[in-house]
């Protein structure tokens, strides 16, 4: 499975990982995970998970936005990585989808 890592940080008190990939049902999935003592101080638990799930018909909107051939998953992952890499990837990606009327399901758990 091809993945695009948008952000990764590992220190003694925290580990942060944010990745994008396609599921076996062609959904675009944003998978974010923070773990460590720093997270426990903020959320009261040692881990915090956050995701976006986009259905294939919503993913299709990205191909036009980024001038990609329809179905070019590798190209799309690359374009999204170029635009949304960094510690604020989850927030920025959500804002971008809202601004472009792209529907998604968000989930977070701590």
Protein backbone atom coordinates (compact mmCIF):
# COMPACT_ATOMS: atom_id res chain seq x y z
CA UNK A 1 0.00 0.00 0.00
CA UNK A 2 1.40 3.37 -1.03
CA UNK A 3 1.38 6.00 1.71
CA UNK A 4 2.28 9.66 1.90
CA UNK A 5 3.78 10.74 5.21
CA UNK A 6 2.72 14.32 5.89
CA UNK A 7 4.45 14.66 9.24
CA UNK A 8 6.50 12.47 11.55
CA UNK A 9 8.19 13.41 14.81
CA UNK A 10 9.64 11.19 17.49
CA UNK A 11 11.06 12.49 20.77
CA UNK A 12 11.31 10.87 24.21
CA UNK A 13 8.01 12.43 25.38
CA UNK A 14 6.01 12.41 22.12
CA UNK A 15 5.55 10.64 18.80
CA UNK A 16 3.41 12.17 16.03
CA UNK A 17 2.52 10.48 12.75
CA UNK A 18 0.25 11.74 9.96
CA UNK A 19 -0.23 9.73 6.78
CA UNK A 20 -2.50 9.64 3.75
CA UNK A 21 -3.33 6.49 1.82
CA UNK A 22 -6.08 4.78 -0.16
CA UNK A 23 -8.07 1.94 1.37
CA UNK A 24 -9.03 -1.23 -0.49
CA UNK A 25 -12.41 0.48 -1.17
CA UNK A 26 -10.66 3.45 -2.88
CA UNK A 27 -11.41 5.79 0.01
CA UNK A 28 -8.76 8.39 0.80
CA UNK A 29 -7.80 8.02 4.44
CA UNK A 30 -5.93 10.54 6.61
CA UNK A 31 -4.50 8.75 9.63
CA UNK A 32 -3.12 10.84 12.48
CA UNK A 33 -1.74 9.56 15.75
CA UNK A 34 -0.04 11.34 18.66
CA UNK A 35 1.30 9.37 21.63
CA UNK A 36 3.42 10.06 24.68
CA UNK A 37 3.69 11.86 28.00
CA UNK A 38 3.14 15.27 26.37
CA UNK A 39 -0.19 14.05 24.96
CA UNK A 40 -1.25 12.74 28.36
CA UNK A 41 -0.65 16.19 29.86
CA UNK A 42 -2.90 17.77 27.20
CA UNK A 43 -5.65 15.14 26.69
CA UNK A 44 -5.52 13.10 29.90
CA UNK A 45 -4.60 9.96 27.96
CA UNK A 46 -1.34 8.86 26.37
CA UNK A 47 -2.67 8.77 22.83
CA UNK A 48 -4.77 10.89 20.49
CA UNK A 49 -6.05 9.59 17.16
CA UNK A 50 -7.65 11.65 14.37
CA UNK A 51 -8.80 10.70 10.89
CA UNK A 52 -10.55 11.87 7.76
CA UNK A 53 -12.25 9.41 5.42
CA UNK A 54 -13.22 10.51 1.92
CA UNK A 55 -15.41 8.47 -0.40
CA UNK A 56 -14.20 7.91 -3.99
CA UNK A 57 -16.64 10.43 -5.53
CA UNK A 58 -15.24 13.13 -3.23
CA UNK A 59 -11.65 12.11 -3.98
CA UNK A 60 -12.40 12.69 -7.68
CA UNK A 61 -12.72 16.43 -6.95
CA UNK A 62 -9.02 16.57 -6.02
CA UNK A 63 -7.90 15.39 -9.47
CA UNK A 64 -9.46 18.44 -11.07
CA UNK A 65 -8.20 20.82 -8.38
CA UNK A 66 -4.61 19.61 -8.82
CA UNK A 67 -4.86 19.15 -12.62
CA UNK A 68 -4.22 15.42 -12.40
CA UNK A 69 -5.49 12.62 -14.59
CA UNK A 70 -8.57 10.98 -13.02
CA UNK A 71 -7.51 7.99 -10.94
CA UNK A 72 -3.84 9.04 -10.59
CA UNK A 73 -3.61 8.01 -6.94
CA UNK A 74 0.19 8.30 -6.75
CA UNK A 75 0.08 11.76 -8.28
CA UNK A 76 -2.65 12.81 -5.88
CA UNK A 77 -0.79 11.54 -2.82
CA UNK A 78 2.29 13.43 -3.99
CA UNK A 79 0.33 16.66 -4.61
CA UNK A 80 -1.34 16.45 -1.21
CA UNK A 81 1.99 15.77 0.49
CA UNK A 82 3.52 18.80 -1.21
CA UNK A 83 0.69 21.04 -0.06
CA UNK A 84 -0.06 19.71 3.43
CA UNK A 85 3.21 18.47 4.93
CA UNK A 86 3.87 19.68 8.45
CA UNK A 87 2.56 19.56 11.98
CA UNK A 88 -0.65 21.41 11.01
CA UNK A 89 -1.50 18.99 8.18
CA UNK A 90 -4.75 17.75 9.74
CA UNK A 91 -6.15 21.24 10.32
CA UNK A 92 -4.98 22.63 6.98
CA UNK A 93 -6.31 19.64 5.05
CA UNK A 94 -9.72 20.00 6.74
CA UNK A 95 -9.85 23.73 5.99
CA UNK A 96 -8.94 23.07 2.35
CA UNK A 97 -11.67 20.45 1.98
CA UNK A 98 -14.24 22.76 3.54
CA UNK A 99 -13.23 25.64 1.25
CA UNK A 100 -13.52 23.37 -1.80
CA UNK A 101 -16.81 21.70 -0.76
CA UNK A 102 -15.26 18.26 -0.43
CA UNK A 103 -17.28 16.05 1.91
CA UNK A 104 -15.50 13.86 4.44
CA UNK A 105 -16.05 12.03 7.68
CA UNK A 106 -13.87 13.16 10.58
CA UNK A 107 -13.12 11.16 13.69
CA UNK A 108 -10.99 11.81 16.74
CA UNK A 109 -10.39 9.89 19.91
CA UNK A 110 -8.31 10.47 23.00
